[in-house]
C-alpha cells in the first residue's frame, strides 16, 4: 500500500476522532478555535524552521486545512512523514 494512501486513511480516522472529541466538549467552539490556532501556528513554524531540523513541509491547502481541523497532532505526523 502506498504511503500517501495510508496517510489519507489515518487522517480520516483522526478527523472522526477529533469530531467526536469536539462534540463531547462543554465548550465546543472554544476547543475547536484553540486546536485550530495551535495547529496552524505549529504548521507555520514547521514550514519556516523545518529545514533546520531536516524536514521540508510545503505550505499548501491540504496541510493548512489538516492542521486547522486536526491541530498539532497533524503537524507532528507531517513532520514524521516528510523526513
C-alpha atoms as a PDB file:
ATOM      1  CA  UNK A   1       0.000   0.000   0.000  1.00  0.00           C
ATOM      2  CA  UNK A   2       1.237   3.449  -0.898  1.00  0.00           C
ATOM      3  CA  UNK A   3       2.332   5.742   1.938  1.00  0.00           C
ATOM      4  CA  UNK A   4       0.092   8.525   0.633  1.00  0.00           C
ATOM      5  CA  UNK A   5      -2.984   6.280   0.884  1.00  0.00           C
ATOM      6  CA  UNK A   6      -2.000   5.288   4.402  1.00  0.00           C
ATOM      7  CA  UNK A   7      -1.590   8.975   5.254  1.00  0.00           C
ATOM      8  CA  UNK A   8      -5.088   9.815   3.964  1.00  0.00           C
ATOM      9  CA  UNK A   9      -6.656   6.868   5.795  1.00  0.00           C
ATOM     10  CA  UNK A  10      -5.015   7.859   9.072  1.00  0.00           C
ATOM     11  CA  UNK A  11      -6.088  11.493   8.581  1.00  0.00           C
ATOM     12  CA  UNK A  12      -9.679  10.358   8.014  1.00  0.00           C
ATOM     13  CA  UNK A  13      -9.683   8.246  11.168  1.00  0.00           C
ATOM     14  CA  UNK A  14      -8.145  11.031  13.235  1.00  0.00           C
ATOM     15  CA  UNK A  15     -10.674  13.511  11.804  1.00  0.00           C
ATOM     16  CA  UNK A  16     -13.517  11.336  13.041  1.00  0.00           C
ATOM     17  CA  UNK A  17     -11.890  11.058  16.456  1.00  0.00           C
ATOM     18  CA  UNK A  18     -11.445  14.843  16.627  1.00  0.00           C
ATOM     19  CA  UNK A  19     -15.069  15.378  15.582  1.00  0.00           C
ATOM     20  CA  UNK A  20     -16.274  13.129  18.402  1.00  0.00           C
ATOM     21  CA  UNK A  21     -13.907  14.887  20.812  1.00  0.00           C
ATOM     22  CA  UNK A  22     -15.131  18.355  19.853  1.00  0.00           C
ATOM     23  CA  UNK A  23     -18.781  17.298  20.119  1.00  0.00           C
ATOM     24  CA  UNK A  24     -18.286  15.849  23.597  1.00  0.00           C
ATOM     25  CA  UNK A  25     -16.633  19.002  24.986  1.00  0.00           C
ATOM     26  CA  UNK A  26     -18.521  21.506  27.081  1.00  0.00           C
ATOM     27  CA  UNK A  27     -17.095  24.500  25.189  1.00  0.00           C
ATOM     28  CA  UNK A  28     -17.120  23.107  21.653  1.00  0.00           C
ATOM     29  CA  UNK A  29     -16.356  26.298  19.797  1.00  0.00           C
ATOM     30  CA  UNK A  30     -13.506  27.390  22.078  1.00  0.00           C
ATOM     31  CA  UNK A  31     -11.924  23.929  21.897  1.00  0.00           C
ATOM     32  CA  UNK A  32     -12.095  23.976  18.109  1.00  0.00           C
ATOM     33  CA  UNK A  33     -10.647  27.504  17.869  1.00  0.00           C
ATOM     34  CA  UNK A  34      -7.788  26.696  20.248  1.00  0.00           C
ATOM     35  CA  UNK A  35      -6.981  23.442  18.412  1.00  0.00           C
ATOM     36  CA  UNK A  36      -7.103  25.158  15.027  1.00  0.00           C
ATOM     37  CA  UNK A  37      -4.959  28.111  16.009  1.00  0.00           C
ATOM     38  CA  UNK A  38      -2.352  25.943  17.708  1.00  0.00           C
ATOM     39  CA  UNK A  39      -2.201  23.609  14.691  1.00  0.00           C
ATOM     40  CA  UNK A  40      -1.878  26.428  12.169  1.00  0.00           C
ATOM     41  CA  UNK A  41       0.791  28.102  14.300  1.00  0.00           C
ATOM     42  CA  UNK A  42       2.724  24.831  14.505  1.00  0.00           C
ATOM     43  CA  UNK A  43       2.440  24.412  10.727  1.00  0.00           C
ATOM     44  CA  UNK A  44       3.789  27.909  10.075  1.00  0.00           C
ATOM     45  CA  UNK A  45       6.695  27.283  12.457  1.00  0.00           C
ATOM     46  CA  UNK A  46       7.436  23.934  10.798  1.00  0.00           C
ATOM     47  CA  UNK A  47       7.358  25.479   7.325  1.00  0.00           C
ATOM     48  CA  UNK A  48       9.587  28.342   8.419  1.00  0.00           C
ATOM     49  CA  UNK A  49      12.138  26.426  10.502  1.00  0.00           C
ATOM     50  CA  UNK A  50      11.682  22.863   9.227  1.00  0.00           C
ATOM     51  CA  UNK A  51      14.740  22.994   7.017  1.00  0.00           C
ATOM     52  CA  UNK A  52      16.904  23.470  10.097  1.00  0.00           C
ATOM     53  CA  UNK A  53      15.717  20.147  11.534  1.00  0.00           C
ATOM     54  CA  UNK A  54      15.780  18.319   8.194  1.00  0.00           C
ATOM     55  CA  UNK A  55      12.068  18.432   7.389  1.00  0.00           C
ATOM     56  CA  UNK A  56      10.746  20.126   4.266  1.00  0.00           C
ATOM     57  CA  UNK A  57       6.981  20.593   4.639  1.00  0.00           C
ATOM     58  CA  UNK A  58       5.246  22.568   1.883  1.00  0.00           C
ATOM     59  CA  UNK A  59       2.546  25.082   2.728  1.00  0.00           C
ATOM     60  CA  UNK A  60      -0.447  24.000   0.682  1.00  0.00           C
ATOM     61  CA  UNK A  61      -4.207  23.928   1.140  1.00  0.00           C
ATOM     62  CA  UNK A  62      -4.256  20.297   2.318  1.00  0.00           C
ATOM     63  CA  UNK A  63      -1.679  20.915   5.042  1.00  0.00           C
ATOM     64  CA  UNK A  64      -3.385  24.142   6.069  1.00  0.00           C
ATOM     65  CA  UNK A  65      -6.832  22.540   6.341  1.00  0.00           C
ATOM     66  CA  UNK A  66      -5.427  19.447   8.053  1.00  0.00           C
ATOM     67  CA  UNK A  67      -3.635  21.487  10.688  1.00  0.00           C
ATOM     68  CA  UNK A  68      -6.724  23.656  11.114  1.00  0.00           C
ATOM     69  CA  UNK A  69      -9.000  20.681  11.740  1.00  0.00           C
ATOM     70  CA  UNK A  70      -6.703  18.215  13.477  1.00  0.00           C
ATOM     71  CA  UNK A  71      -4.303  20.601  15.197  1.00  0.00           C
ATOM     72  CA  UNK A  72      -0.807  19.832  16.397  1.00  0.00           C
ATOM     73  CA  UNK A  73      -1.007  16.025  16.007  1.00  0.00           C
ATOM     74  CA  UNK A  74      -1.428  16.520  12.247  1.00  0.00           C
ATOM     75  CA  UNK A  75       1.651  18.733  12.094  1.00  0.00           C
ATOM     76  CA  UNK A  76       3.704  16.220  14.082  1.00  0.00           C
ATOM     77  CA  UNK A  77       2.588  13.460  11.722  1.00  0.00           C
ATOM     78  CA  UNK A  78       3.551  15.635   8.746  1.00  0.00           C
ATOM     79  CA  UNK A  79       6.993  16.201  10.220  1.00  0.00           C
ATOM     80  CA  UNK A  80       7.455  12.456  10.648  1.00  0.00           C
ATOM     81  CA  UNK A  81       6.221  11.607   7.151  1.00  0.00           C
ATOM     82  CA  UNK A  82       8.235  14.337   5.386  1.00  0.00           C
ATOM     83  CA  UNK A  83      11.574  13.337   6.890  1.00  0.00           C
END
